[in-house]
Amino acid sequence: VEVRERMEAVGLPNCAVTAFHSRVPQLPAAWATPERLDTLN
């Protein structure tokens, strides 16, 4: 929730996922985007 609020404050176009670490390496890092944080969660 706090990350989402910070994203709202700066605007989604100014947000990016710079690194994605996963216990499931078969999931592409490209799927980890600011827009999909909810689904990832």
Full PDB file with SEQRES, HELIX, SHEET, SSBOND, CRYST1, ORIGX, SCALE, CONECT and MASTER records, all heavy atoms in Angstrom:
SEQRES   1 A   41  VAL GLU VAL ARG GLU ARG MET GLU ALA VAL GLY LEU PRO          
SEQRES   2 A   41  ASN CYS ALA VAL THR ALA PHE HIS SER ARG VAL PRO GLN          
SEQRES   3 A   41  LEU PRO ALA ALA TRP ALA THR PRO GLU ARG LEU ASP THR          
SEQRES   4 A   41  LEU ASN                                                      
HELIX    1 AA1 GLU A    2  VAL A   10  1                                   9    
HELIX    2 AA2 LEU A   12  ASN A   14  5                                   3    
HELIX    3 AA3 ALA A   29  TRP A   31  5                                   3    
HELIX    4 AA4 PRO A   34  ARG A   36  5                                   3    
HELIX    5 AA5 LEU A   37  LEU A   40  1                                   4    
CRYST1    1.000    1.000    1.000  90.00  90.00  90.00 P 1           1          
ORIGX1      1.000000  0.000000  0.000000        0.00000                         
ORIGX2      0.000000  1.000000  0.000000        0.00000                         
ORIGX3      0.000000  0.000000  1.000000        0.00000                         
SCALE1      1.000000  0.000000  0.000000        0.00000                         
SCALE2      0.000000  1.000000  0.000000        0.00000                         
SCALE3      0.000000  0.000000  1.000000        0.00000                         
ATOM      1  N   VAL A   1       0.837  -1.195   0.000  1.00  0.00           N  
ATOM      2  CA  VAL A   1       0.000   0.000   0.000  1.00  0.00           C  
ATOM      3  C   VAL A   1       0.877   1.253   0.000  1.00  0.00           C  
ATOM      4  O   VAL A   1       0.634   2.216  -0.749  1.00  0.00           O  
ATOM      5  CB  VAL A   1      -0.944  -0.001   1.218  1.00  0.00           C  
ATOM      6  CG1 VAL A   1      -1.728   1.304   1.298  1.00  0.00           C  
ATOM      7  CG2 VAL A   1      -1.902  -1.182   1.145  1.00  0.00           C  
ATOM      8  N   GLU A   2       1.909   1.238   0.826  1.00  0.00           N  
ATOM      9  CA  GLU A   2       2.790   2.410   0.895  1.00  0.00           C  
ATOM     10  C   GLU A   2       3.528   2.634  -0.417  1.00  0.00           C  
ATOM     11  O   GLU A   2       3.699   3.781  -0.858  1.00  0.00           O  
ATOM     12  CB  GLU A   2       3.778   2.221   2.046  1.00  0.00           C  
ATOM     13  CG  GLU A   2       3.111   2.244   3.420  1.00  0.00           C  
ATOM     14  CD  GLU A   2       4.067   1.884   4.539  1.00  0.00           C  
ATOM     15  OE1 GLU A   2       5.239   1.572   4.231  1.00  0.00           O  
ATOM     16  OE2 GLU A   2       3.646   1.905   5.715  1.00  0.00           O  
ATOM     17  N   VAL A   3       3.985   1.567  -1.059  1.00  0.00           N  
ATOM     18  CA  VAL A   3       4.648   1.717  -2.348  1.00  0.00           C  
ATOM     19  C   VAL A   3       3.683   2.280  -3.387  1.00  0.00           C  
ATOM     20  O   VAL A   3       4.042   3.159  -4.187  1.00  0.00           O  
ATOM     21  CB  VAL A   3       5.228   0.368  -2.819  1.00  0.00           C  
ATOM     22  CG1 VAL A   3       5.628   0.424  -4.292  1.00  0.00           C  
ATOM     23  CG2 VAL A   3       6.435  -0.015  -1.973  1.00  0.00           C  
ATOM     24  N   ARG A   4       2.444   1.802  -3.369  1.00  0.00           N  
ATOM     25  CA  ARG A   4       1.449   2.313  -4.301  1.00  0.00           C  
ATOM     26  C   ARG A   4       1.221   3.816  -4.102  1.00  0.00           C  
ATOM     27  O   ARG A   4       1.087   4.569  -5.062  1.00  0.00           O  
ATOM     28  CB  ARG A   4       0.128   1.561  -4.122  1.00  0.00           C  
ATOM     29  CG  ARG A   4       0.089   0.227  -4.840  1.00  0.00           C  
ATOM     30  CD  ARG A   4       0.223   0.408  -6.306  1.00  0.00           C  
ATOM     31  NE  ARG A   4      -0.086  -0.801  -7.050  1.00  0.00           N  
ATOM     32  CZ  ARG A   4       0.150  -0.951  -8.327  1.00  0.00           C  
ATOM     33  NH1 ARG A   4       0.703   0.021  -9.016  1.00  0.00           N  
ATOM     34  NH2 ARG A   4      -0.160  -2.074  -8.945  1.00  0.00           N  
ATOM     35  N   GLU A   5       1.173   4.236  -2.849  1.00  0.00           N  
ATOM     36  CA  GLU A   5       0.967   5.655  -2.574  1.00  0.00           C  
ATOM     37  C   GLU A   5       2.135   6.489  -3.091  1.00  0.00           C  
ATOM     38  O   GLU A   5       1.942   7.595  -3.621  1.00  0.00           O  
ATOM     39  CB  GLU A   5       0.769   5.858  -1.070  1.00  0.00           C  
ATOM     40  CG  GLU A   5      -0.555   5.300  -0.567  1.00  0.00           C  
ATOM     41  CD  GLU A   5      -0.683   5.356   0.940  1.00  0.00           C  
ATOM     42  OE1 GLU A   5       0.348   5.608   1.615  1.00  0.00           O  
ATOM     43  OE2 GLU A   5      -1.801   5.133   1.448  1.00  0.00           O  
ATOM     44  N   ARG A   6       3.335   5.973  -2.947  1.00  0.00           N  
ATOM     45  CA  ARG A   6       4.506   6.686  -3.478  1.00  0.00           C  
ATOM     46  C   ARG A   6       4.468   6.714  -5.002  1.00  0.00           C  
ATOM     47  O   ARG A   6       4.869   7.704  -5.630  1.00  0.00           O  
ATOM     48  CB  ARG A   6       5.788   6.021  -2.978  1.00  0.00           C  
ATOM     49  CG  ARG A   6       5.979   6.146  -1.481  1.00  0.00           C  
ATOM     50  CD  ARG A   6       7.128   5.295  -0.972  1.00  0.00           C  
ATOM     51  NE  ARG A   6       8.407   5.735  -1.525  1.00  0.00           N  
ATOM     52  CZ  ARG A   6       9.559   5.131  -1.243  1.00  0.00           C  
ATOM     53  NH1 ARG A   6       9.572   4.054  -0.460  1.00  0.00           N  
ATOM     54  NH2 ARG A   6      10.683   5.577  -1.772  1.00  0.00           N  
ATOM     55  N   MET A   7       3.998   5.629  -5.619  1.00  0.00           N  
ATOM     56  CA  MET A   7       3.876   5.601  -7.074  1.00  0.00           C  
ATOM     57  C   MET A   7       2.855   6.624  -7.551  1.00  0.00           C  
ATOM     58  O   MET A   7       3.060   7.310  -8.560  1.00  0.00           O  
ATOM     59  CB  MET A   7       3.499   4.192  -7.538  1.00  0.00           C  
ATOM     60  CG  MET A   7       4.585   3.164  -7.335  1.00  0.00           C  
ATOM     61  SD  MET A   7       4.045   1.470  -7.688  1.00  0.00           S  
ATOM     62  CE  MET A   7       3.626   1.586  -9.409  1.00  0.00           C  
ATOM     63  N   GLU A   8       1.753   6.736  -6.831  1.00  0.00           N  
ATOM     64  CA  GLU A   8       0.738   7.724  -7.189  1.00  0.00           C  
ATOM     65  C   GLU A   8       1.310   9.138  -7.098  1.00  0.00           C  
ATOM     66  O   GLU A   8       1.007  10.002  -7.925  1.00  0.00           O  
ATOM     67  CB  GLU A   8      -0.465   7.593  -6.267  1.00  0.00           C  
ATOM     68  CG  GLU A   8      -1.260   6.316  -6.448  1.00  0.00           C  
ATOM     69  CD  GLU A   8      -2.386   6.228  -5.423  1.00  0.00           C  
ATOM     70  OE1 GLU A   8      -3.091   7.244  -5.239  1.00  0.00           O  
ATOM     71  OE2 GLU A   8      -2.552   5.159  -4.817  1.00  0.00           O  
ATOM     72  N   ALA A   9       2.161   9.359  -6.081  1.00  0.00           N  
ATOM     73  CA  ALA A   9       2.691  10.696  -5.859  1.00  0.00           C  
ATOM     74  C   ALA A   9       3.629  11.142  -6.983  1.00  0.00           C  
ATOM     75  O   ALA A   9       3.617  12.310  -7.381  1.00  0.00           O  
ATOM     76  CB  ALA A   9       3.423  10.747  -4.513  1.00  0.00           C  
ATOM     77  N   VAL A  10       4.429  10.206  -7.502  1.00  0.00           N  
ATOM     78  CA  VAL A  10       5.401  10.587  -8.540  1.00  0.00           C  
ATOM     79  C   VAL A  10       4.874  10.337  -9.940  1.00  0.00           C  
ATOM     80  O   VAL A  10       5.459  10.822 -10.922  1.00  0.00           O  
ATOM     81  CB  VAL A  10       6.736   9.842  -8.338  1.00  0.00           C  
ATOM     82  CG1 VAL A  10       7.310  10.147  -6.967  1.00  0.00           C  
ATOM     83  CG2 VAL A  10       6.558   8.332  -8.514  1.00  0.00           C  
ATOM     84  N   GLY A  11       3.799   9.568 -10.070  1.00  0.00           N  
ATOM     85  CA  GLY A  11       3.242   9.254 -11.382  1.00  0.00           C  
ATOM     86  C   GLY A  11       3.788   7.947 -11.918  1.00  0.00           C  
ATOM     87  O   GLY A  11       5.003   7.695 -11.874  1.00  0.00           O  
ATOM     88  N   LEU A  12       2.906   7.098 -12.431  1.00  0.00           N  
ATOM     89  CA  LEU A  12       3.299   5.780 -12.913  1.00  0.00           C  
ATOM     90  C   LEU A  12       4.367   5.825 -14.001  1.00  0.00           C  
ATOM     91  O   LEU A  12       5.272   4.988 -14.005  1.00  0.00           O  
ATOM     92  CB  LEU A  12       2.067   5.022 -13.411  1.00  0.00           C  
ATOM     93  CG  LEU A  12       2.290   3.558 -13.795  1.00  0.00           C  
ATOM     94  CD1 LEU A  12       2.752   2.751 -12.589  1.00  0.00           C  
ATOM     95  CD2 LEU A  12       1.019   2.954 -14.370  1.00  0.00           C  
ATOM     96  N   PRO A  13       4.327   6.779 -14.961  1.00  0.00           N  
ATOM     97  CA  PRO A  13       5.378   6.805 -15.990  1.00  0.00           C  
ATOM     98  C   PRO A  13       6.781   7.011 -15.427  1.00  0.00           C  
ATOM     99  O   PRO A  13       7.768   6.713 -16.113  1.00  0.00           O  
ATOM    100  CB  PRO A  13       4.959   7.984 -16.881  1.00  0.00           C  
ATOM    101  CG  PRO A  13       3.488   8.122 -16.664  1.00  0.00           C  
ATOM    102  CD  PRO A  13       3.272   7.772 -15.228  1.00  0.00           C  
ATOM    103  N   ASN A  14       6.874   7.518 -14.204  1.00  0.00           N  
ATOM    104  CA  ASN A  14       8.175   7.769 -13.587  1.00  0.00           C  
ATOM    105  C   ASN A  14       8.602   6.628 -12.664  1.00  0.00           C  
ATOM    106  O   ASN A  14       9.535   6.798 -11.870  1.00  0.00           O  
ATOM    107  CB  ASN A  14       8.128   9.074 -12.792  1.00  0.00           C  
ATOM    108  CG  ASN A  14       7.800  10.262 -13.670  1.00  0.00           C  
ATOM    109  OD1 ASN A  14       8.352  10.404 -14.756  1.00  0.00           O  
ATOM    110  ND2 ASN A  14       6.887  11.107 -13.208  1.00  0.00           N  
ATOM    111  N   CYS A  15       7.931   5.486 -12.762  1.00  0.00           N  
ATOM    112  CA  CYS A  15       8.246   4.336 -11.922  1.00  0.00           C  
ATOM    113  C   CYS A  15       8.700   3.163 -12.784  1.00  0.00           C  
ATOM    114  O   CYS A  15       8.250   3.002 -13.916  1.00  0.00           O  
ATOM    115  CB  CYS A  15       7.027   3.921 -11.092  1.00  0.00           C  
ATOM    116  SG  CYS A  15       6.401   5.227 -10.003  1.00  0.00           S  
ATOM    117  N   ALA A  16       9.581   2.358 -12.237  1.00  0.00           N  
ATOM    118  CA  ALA A  16      10.078   1.195 -12.978  1.00  0.00           C  
ATOM    119  C   ALA A  16      10.574   0.151 -11.993  1.00  0.00           C  
ATOM    120  O   ALA A  16      10.981   0.464 -10.869  1.00  0.00           O  
ATOM    121  CB  ALA A  16      11.200   1.598 -13.928  1.00  0.00           C  
ATOM    122  N   VAL A  17      10.533  -1.108 -12.427  1.00  0.00           N  
ATOM    123  CA  VAL A  17      11.143  -2.208 -11.685  1.00  0.00           C  
ATOM    124  C   VAL A  17      12.544  -2.401 -12.250  1.00  0.00           C  
ATOM    125  O   VAL A  17      12.708  -2.774 -13.408  1.00  0.00           O  
ATOM    126  CB  VAL A  17      10.321  -3.507 -11.813  1.00  0.00           C  
ATOM    127  CG1 VAL A  17      11.032  -4.661 -11.108  1.00  0.00           C  
ATOM    128  CG2 VAL A  17       8.922  -3.312 -11.235  1.00  0.00           C  
ATOM    129  N   THR A  18      13.558  -2.129 -11.454  1.00  0.00           N  
ATOM    130  CA  THR A  18      14.938  -2.209 -11.926  1.00  0.00           C  
ATOM    131  C   THR A  18      15.565  -3.580 -11.721  1.00  0.00           C  
ATOM    132  O   THR A  18      16.556  -3.908 -12.369  1.00  0.00           O  
ATOM    133  CB  THR A  18      15.796  -1.146 -11.228  1.00  0.00           C  
ATOM    134  OG1 THR A  18      15.715  -1.330  -9.802  1.00  0.00           O  
ATOM    135  CG2 THR A  18      15.296   0.259 -11.569  1.00  0.00           C  
ATOM    136  N   ALA A  19      15.007  -4.392 -10.822  1.00  0.00           N  
ATOM    137  CA  ALA A  19      15.511  -5.755 -10.607  1.00  0.00           C  
ATOM    138  C   ALA A  19      14.397  -6.607 -10.036  1.00  0.00           C  
ATOM    139  O   ALA A  19      13.597  -6.135  -9.219  1.00  0.00           O  
ATOM    140  CB  ALA A  19      16.720  -5.758  -9.686  1.00  0.00           C  
ATOM    141  N   PHE A  20      14.352  -7.856 -10.493  1.00  0.00           N  
ATOM    142  CA  PHE A  20      13.305  -8.789 -10.057  1.00  0.00           C  
ATOM    143  C   PHE A  20      13.967 -10.084  -9.626  1.00  0.00           C  
ATOM    144  O   PHE A  20      14.612 -10.764 -10.429  1.00  0.00           O  
ATOM    145  CB  PHE A  20      12.322  -9.039 -11.201  1.00  0.00           C  
ATOM    146  CG  PHE A  20      11.236 -10.032 -10.884  1.00  0.00           C  
ATOM    147  CD1 PHE A  20      10.380  -9.823  -9.816  1.00  0.00           C  
ATOM    148  CD2 PHE A  20      11.061 -11.176 -11.660  1.00  0.00           C  
ATOM    149  CE1 PHE A  20       9.362 -10.733  -9.527  1.00  0.00           C  
ATOM    150  CE2 PHE A  20      10.054 -12.088 -11.379  1.00  0.00           C  
ATOM    151  CZ  PHE A  20       9.201 -11.860 -10.306  1.00  0.00           C  
ATOM    152  N   HIS A  21      13.835 -10.419  -8.339  1.00  0.00           N  
ATOM    153  CA  HIS A  21      14.386 -11.652  -7.785  1.00  0.00           C  
ATOM    154  C   HIS A  21      13.219 -12.552  -7.410  1.00  0.00           C  
ATOM    155  O   HIS A  21      12.282 -12.110  -6.746  1.00  0.00           O  
ATOM    156  CB  HIS A  21      15.244 -11.358  -6.562  1.00  0.00           C  
ATOM    157  CG  HIS A  21      16.297 -10.317  -6.798  1.00  0.00           C  
ATOM    158  ND1 HIS A  21      17.520 -10.609  -7.367  1.00  0.00           N  
ATOM    159  CD2 HIS A  21      16.307  -8.984  -6.574  1.00  0.00           C  
ATOM    160  CE1 HIS A  21      18.236  -9.505  -7.458  1.00  0.00           C  
ATOM    161  NE2 HIS A  21      17.520  -8.504  -6.990  1.00  0.00           N  
ATOM    162  N   SER A  22      13.300 -13.812  -7.826  1.00  0.00           N  
ATOM    163  CA  SER A  22      12.137 -14.677  -7.695  1.00  0.00           C  
ATOM    164  C   SER A  22      12.533 -16.084  -7.279  1.00  0.00           C  
ATOM    165  O   SER A  22      13.561 -16.610  -7.718  1.00  0.00           O  
ATOM    166  CB  SER A  22      11.383 -14.733  -9.033  1.00  0.00           C  
ATOM    167  OG  SER A  22      10.368 -15.713  -9.015  1.00  0.00           O  
ATOM    168  N   ARG A  23      11.706 -16.694  -6.430  1.00  0.00           N  
ATOM    169  CA  ARG A  23      11.876 -18.109  -6.111  1.00  0.00           C  
ATOM    170  C   ARG A  23      11.390 -18.993  -7.244  1.00  0.00           C  
ATOM    171  O   ARG A  23      11.581 -20.206  -7.205  1.00  0.00           O  
ATOM    172  CB  ARG A  23      11.117 -18.461  -4.832  1.00  0.00           C  
ATOM    173  CG  ARG A  23      11.828 -18.024  -3.550  1.00  0.00           C  
ATOM    174  CD  ARG A  23      11.218 -18.669  -2.325  1.00  0.00           C  
ATOM    175  NE  ARG A  23      11.363 -20.127  -2.355  1.00  0.00           N  
ATOM    176  CZ  ARG A  23      10.900 -20.927  -1.403  1.00  0.00           C  
ATOM    177  NH1 ARG A  23      10.258 -20.406  -0.360  1.00  0.00           N  
ATOM    178  NH2 ARG A  23      11.063 -22.237  -1.489  1.00  0.00           N  
ATOM    179  N   VAL A  24      10.766 -18.387  -8.237  1.00  0.00           N  
ATOM    180  CA  VAL A  24      10.268 -19.121  -9.399  1.00  0.00           C  
ATOM    181  C   VAL A  24      10.944 -18.530 -10.637  1.00  0.00           C  
ATOM    182  O   VAL A  24      10.408 -17.620 -11.275  1.00  0.00           O  
ATOM    183  CB  VAL A  24       8.735 -19.026  -9.511  1.00  0.00           C  
ATOM    184  CG1 VAL A  24       8.225 -19.914 -10.633  1.00  0.00           C  
ATOM    185  CG2 VAL A  24       8.069 -19.396  -8.197  1.00  0.00           C  
ATOM    186  N   PRO A  25      12.133 -19.008 -10.982  1.00  0.00           N  
ATOM    187  CA  PRO A  25      12.876 -18.383 -12.090  1.00  0.00           C  
ATOM    188  C   PRO A  25      12.203 -18.546 -13.442  1.00  0.00           C  
ATOM    189  O   PRO A  25      12.589 -17.864 -14.396  1.00  0.00           O  
ATOM    190  CB  PRO A  25      14.231 -19.104 -12.054  1.00  0.00           C  
ATOM    191  CG  PRO A  25      13.954 -20.411 -11.376  1.00  0.00           C  
ATOM    192  CD  PRO A  25      12.878 -20.120 -10.382  1.00  0.00           C  
ATOM    193  N   GLN A  26      11.210 -19.429 -13.548  1.00  0.00           N  
ATOM    194  CA  GLN A  26      10.518 -19.612 -14.831  1.00  0.00           C  
ATOM    195  C   GLN A  26       9.616 -18.425 -15.166  1.00  0.00           C  
ATOM    196  O   GLN A  26       9.181 -18.288 -16.316  1.00  0.00           O  
ATOM    197  CB  GLN A  26       9.685 -20.896 -14.812  1.00  0.00           C  
ATOM    198  CG  GLN A  26      10.489 -22.179 -14.735  1.00  0.00           C  
ATOM    199  CD  GLN A  26      11.035 -22.464 -13.356  1.00  0.00           C  
ATOM    200  OE1 GLN A  26      10.585 -21.888 -12.364  1.00  0.00           O  
ATOM    201  NE2 GLN A  26      12.010 -23.360 -13.273  1.00  0.00           N  
ATOM    202  N   LEU A  27       9.322 -17.571 -14.213  1.00  0.00           N  
ATOM    203  CA  LEU A  27       8.487 -16.395 -14.474  1.00  0.00           C  
ATOM    204  C   LEU A  27       9.362 -15.290 -15.050  1.00  0.00           C  
ATOM    205  O   LEU A  27      10.323 -14.864 -14.401  1.00  0.00           O  
ATOM    206  CB  LEU A  27       7.813 -15.913 -13.187  1.00  0.00           C  
ATOM    207  CG  LEU A  27       6.869 -16.904 -12.505  1.00  0.00           C  
ATOM    208  CD1 LEU A  27       6.335 -16.295 -11.216  1.00  0.00           C  
ATOM    209  CD2 LEU A  27       5.711 -17.282 -13.432  1.00  0.00           C  
ATOM    210  N   PRO A  28       9.056 -14.799 -16.251  1.00  0.00           N  
ATOM    211  CA  PRO A  28       9.905 -13.776 -16.875  1.00  0.00           C  
ATOM    212  C   PRO A  28       9.944 -12.492 -16.055  1.00  0.00           C  
ATOM    213  O   PRO A  28       8.921 -12.044 -15.509  1.00  0.00           O  
ATOM    214  CB  PRO A  28       9.235 -13.543 -18.235  1.00  0.00           C  
ATOM    215  CG  PRO A  28       8.383 -14.746 -18.481  1.00  0.00           C  
ATOM    216  CD  PRO A  28       7.938 -15.208 -17.121  1.00  0.00           C  
ATOM    217  N   ALA A  29      11.116 -11.896 -15.982  1.00  0.00           N  
ATOM    218  CA  ALA A  29      11.254 -10.625 -15.271  1.00  0.00           C  
ATOM    219  C   ALA A  29      10.423  -9.534 -15.931  1.00  0.00           C  
ATOM    220  O   ALA A  29      10.014  -8.573 -15.264  1.00  0.00           O  
ATOM    221  CB  ALA A  29      12.721 -10.220 -15.215  1.00  0.00           C  
ATOM    222  N   ALA A  30      10.168  -9.677 -17.237  1.00  0.00           N  
ATOM    223  CA  ALA A  30       9.378  -8.669 -17.949  1.00  0.00           C  
ATOM    224  C   ALA A  30       7.953  -8.574 -17.430  1.00  0.00           C  
ATOM    225  O   ALA A  30       7.273  -7.561 -17.659  1.00  0.00           O  
ATOM    226  CB  ALA A  30       9.373  -8.972 -19.451  1.00  0.00           C  
ATOM    227  N   TRP A  31       7.494  -9.610 -16.743  1.00  0.00           N  
ATOM    228  CA  TRP A  31       6.136  -9.573 -16.194  1.00  0.00           C  
ATOM    229  C   TRP A  31       6.064  -8.734 -14.924  1.00  0.00           C  
ATOM    230  O   TRP A  31       4.967  -8.407 -14.462  1.00  0.00           O  
ATOM    231  CB  TRP A  31       5.640 -10.985 -15.890  1.00  0.00           C  
ATOM    232  CG  TRP A  31       5.370 -11.796 -17.112  1.00  0.00           C  
ATOM    233  CD1 TRP A  31       5.483 -11.401 -18.421  1.00  0.00           C  
ATOM    234  CD2 TRP A  31       4.941 -13.158 -17.149  1.00  0.00           C  
ATOM    235  NE1 TRP A  31       5.160 -12.429 -19.265  1.00  0.00           N  
ATOM    236  CE2 TRP A  31       4.823 -13.522 -18.523  1.00  0.00           C  
ATOM    237  CE3 TRP A  31       4.649 -14.103 -16.185  1.00  0.00           C  
ATOM    238  CZ2 TRP A  31       4.417 -14.788 -18.927  1.00  0.00           C  
ATOM    239  CZ3 TRP A  31       4.252 -15.370 -16.577  1.00  0.00           C  
ATOM    240  CH2 TRP A  31       4.134 -15.703 -17.940  1.00  0.00           C  
ATOM    241  N   ALA A  32       7.198  -8.449 -14.337  1.00  0.00           N  
ATOM    242  CA  ALA A  32       7.228  -7.662 -13.100  1.00  0.00           C  
ATOM    243  C   ALA A  32       7.297  -6.182 -13.461  1.00  0.00           C  
ATOM    244  O   ALA A  32       8.367  -5.619 -13.673  1.00  0.00           O  
ATOM    245  CB  ALA A  32       8.417  -8.063 -12.239  1.00  0.00           C  
ATOM    246  N   THR A  33       6.164  -5.549 -13.558  1.00  0.00           N  
ATOM    247  CA  THR A  33       6.071  -4.132 -13.896  1.00  0.00           C  
ATOM    248  C   THR A  33       5.306  -3.407 -12.801  1.00  0.00           C  
ATOM    249  O   THR A  33       4.563  -4.032 -12.031  1.00  0.00           O  
ATOM    250  CB  THR A  33       5.350  -3.931 -15.240  1.00  0.00           C  
ATOM    251  OG1 THR A  33       3.992  -4.404 -15.117  1.00  0.00           O  
ATOM    252  CG2 THR A  33       6.060  -4.708 -16.357  1.00  0.00           C  
ATOM    253  N   PRO A  34       5.480  -2.097 -12.697  1.00  0.00           N  
ATOM    254  CA  PRO A  34       4.734  -1.356 -11.665  1.00  0.00           C  
ATOM    255  C   PRO A  34       3.230  -1.565 -11.757  1.00  0.00           C  
ATOM    256  O   PRO A  34       2.544  -1.593 -10.734  1.00  0.00           O  
ATOM    257  CB  PRO A  34       5.121   0.105 -11.948  1.00  0.00           C  
ATOM    258  CG  PRO A  34       6.464   0.022 -12.594  1.00  0.00           C  
ATOM    259  CD  PRO A  34       6.414  -1.216 -13.434  1.00  0.00           C  
ATOM    260  N   GLU A  35       2.710  -1.747 -12.977  1.00  0.00           N  
ATOM    261  CA  GLU A  35       1.268  -1.921 -13.143  1.00  0.00           C  
ATOM    262  C   GLU A  35       0.774  -3.263 -12.605  1.00  0.00           C  
ATOM    263  O   GLU A  35      -0.412  -3.415 -12.317  1.00  0.00           O  
ATOM    264  CB  GLU A  35       0.878  -1.809 -14.617  1.00  0.00           C  
ATOM    265  CG  GLU A  35       1.206  -0.471 -15.263  1.00  0.00           C  
ATOM    266  CD  GLU A  35       2.606  -0.454 -15.860  1.00  0.00           C  
ATOM    267  OE1 GLU A  35       3.410  -1.348 -15.521  1.00  0.00           O  
ATOM    268  OE2 GLU A  35       2.887   0.447 -16.662  1.00  0.00           O  
ATOM    269  N   ARG A  36       1.662  -4.243 -12.488  1.00  0.00           N  
ATOM    270  CA  ARG A  36       1.236  -5.592 -12.126  1.00  0.00           C  
ATOM    271  C   ARG A  36       1.647  -6.009 -10.722  1.00  0.00           C  
ATOM    272  O   ARG A  36       1.650  -7.191 -10.395  1.00  0.00           O  
ATOM    273  CB  ARG A  36       1.803  -6.613 -13.124  1.00  0.00           C  
ATOM    274  CG  ARG A  36       1.509  -6.356 -14.590  1.00  0.00           C  
ATOM    275  CD  ARG A  36       0.043  -6.091 -14.887  1.00  0.00           C  
ATOM    276  NE  ARG A  36      -0.879  -7.081 -14.391  1.00  0.00           N  
ATOM    277  CZ  ARG A  36      -1.186  -8.222 -15.030  1.00  0.00           C  
ATOM    278  NH1 ARG A  36      -0.630  -8.500 -16.192  1.00  0.00           N  
ATOM    279  NH2 ARG A  36      -2.055  -9.065 -14.524  1.00  0.00           N  
ATOM    280  N   LEU A  37       1.971  -5.059  -9.874  1.00  0.00           N  
ATOM    281  CA  LEU A  37       2.377  -5.404  -8.516  1.00  0.00           C  
ATOM    282  C   LEU A  37       1.272  -6.139  -7.765  1.00  0.00           C  
ATOM    283  O   LEU A  37       1.539  -7.055  -6.977  1.00  0.00           O  
ATOM    284  CB  LEU A  37       2.782  -4.147  -7.739  1.00  0.00           C  
ATOM    285  CG  LEU A  37       4.051  -3.425  -8.209  1.00  0.00           C  
ATOM    286  CD1 LEU A  37       4.386  -2.294  -7.249  1.00  0.00           C  
ATOM    287  CD2 LEU A  37       5.229  -4.390  -8.325  1.00  0.00           C  
ATOM    288  N   ASP A  38       0.024  -5.751  -8.015  1.00  0.00           N  
ATOM    289  CA  ASP A  38      -1.088  -6.394  -7.328  1.00  0.00           C  
ATOM    290  C   ASP A  38      -1.187  -7.872  -7.701  1.00  0.00           C  
ATOM    291  O   ASP A  38      -1.352  -8.751  -6.846  1.00  0.00           O  
ATOM    292  CB  ASP A  38      -2.402  -5.696  -7.685  1.00  0.00           C  
ATOM    293  CG  ASP A  38      -2.320  -4.196  -7.506  1.00  0.00           C  
ATOM    294  OD1 ASP A  38      -1.563  -3.759  -6.635  1.00  0.00           O  
ATOM    295  OD2 ASP A  38      -2.993  -3.474  -8.255  1.00  0.00           O  
ATOM    296  N   THR A  39      -1.109  -8.149  -8.992  1.00  0.00           N  
ATOM    297  CA  THR A  39      -1.192  -9.531  -9.450  1.00  0.00           C  
ATOM    298  C   THR A  39      -0.015 -10.348  -8.936  1.00  0.00           C  
ATOM    299  O   THR A  39      -0.178 -11.495  -8.499  1.00  0.00           O  
ATOM    300  CB  THR A  39      -1.229  -9.582 -10.987  1.00  0.00           C  
ATOM    301  OG1 THR A  39      -2.273  -8.742 -11.448  1.00  0.00           O  
ATOM    302  CG2 THR A  39      -1.461 -10.994 -11.473  1.00  0.00           C  
ATOM    303  N   LEU A  40       1.168  -9.776  -8.954  1.00  0.00           N  
ATOM    304  CA  LEU A  40       2.337 -10.464  -8.413  1.00  0.00           C  
ATOM    305  C   LEU A  40       2.141 -10.775  -6.933  1.00  0.00           C  
ATOM    306  O   LEU A  40       2.527 -11.846  -6.450  1.00  0.00           O  
ATOM    307  CB  LEU A  40       3.593  -9.604  -8.602  1.00  0.00           C  
ATOM    308  CG  LEU A  40       4.324  -9.708  -9.931  1.00  0.00           C  
ATOM    309  CD1 LEU A  40       5.457  -8.684  -9.985  1.00  0.00           C  
ATOM    310  CD2 LEU A  40       4.891 -11.114 -10.130  1.00  0.00           C  
ATOM    311  N   ASN A  41       1.546  -9.833  -6.218  1.00  0.00           N  
ATOM    312  CA  ASN A  41       1.325 -10.053  -4.792  1.00  0.00           C  
ATOM    313  C   ASN A  41       0.348 -11.198  -4.562  1.00  0.00           C  
ATOM    314  O   ASN A  41       0.550 -12.047  -3.678  1.00  0.00           O  
ATOM    315  CB  ASN A  41       0.814  -8.769  -4.139  1.00  0.00           C  
ATOM    316  CG  ASN A  41       0.928  -8.820  -2.628  1.00  0.00           C  
ATOM    317  OD1 ASN A  41       1.973  -9.164  -2.086  1.00  0.00           O  
ATOM    318  ND2 ASN A  41      -0.154  -8.491  -1.940  1.00  0.00           N  
TER     319      ASN A  41                                                      
MASTER        0    0    0    5    0    0    0    6  318    1    0    4          
END                                                                             
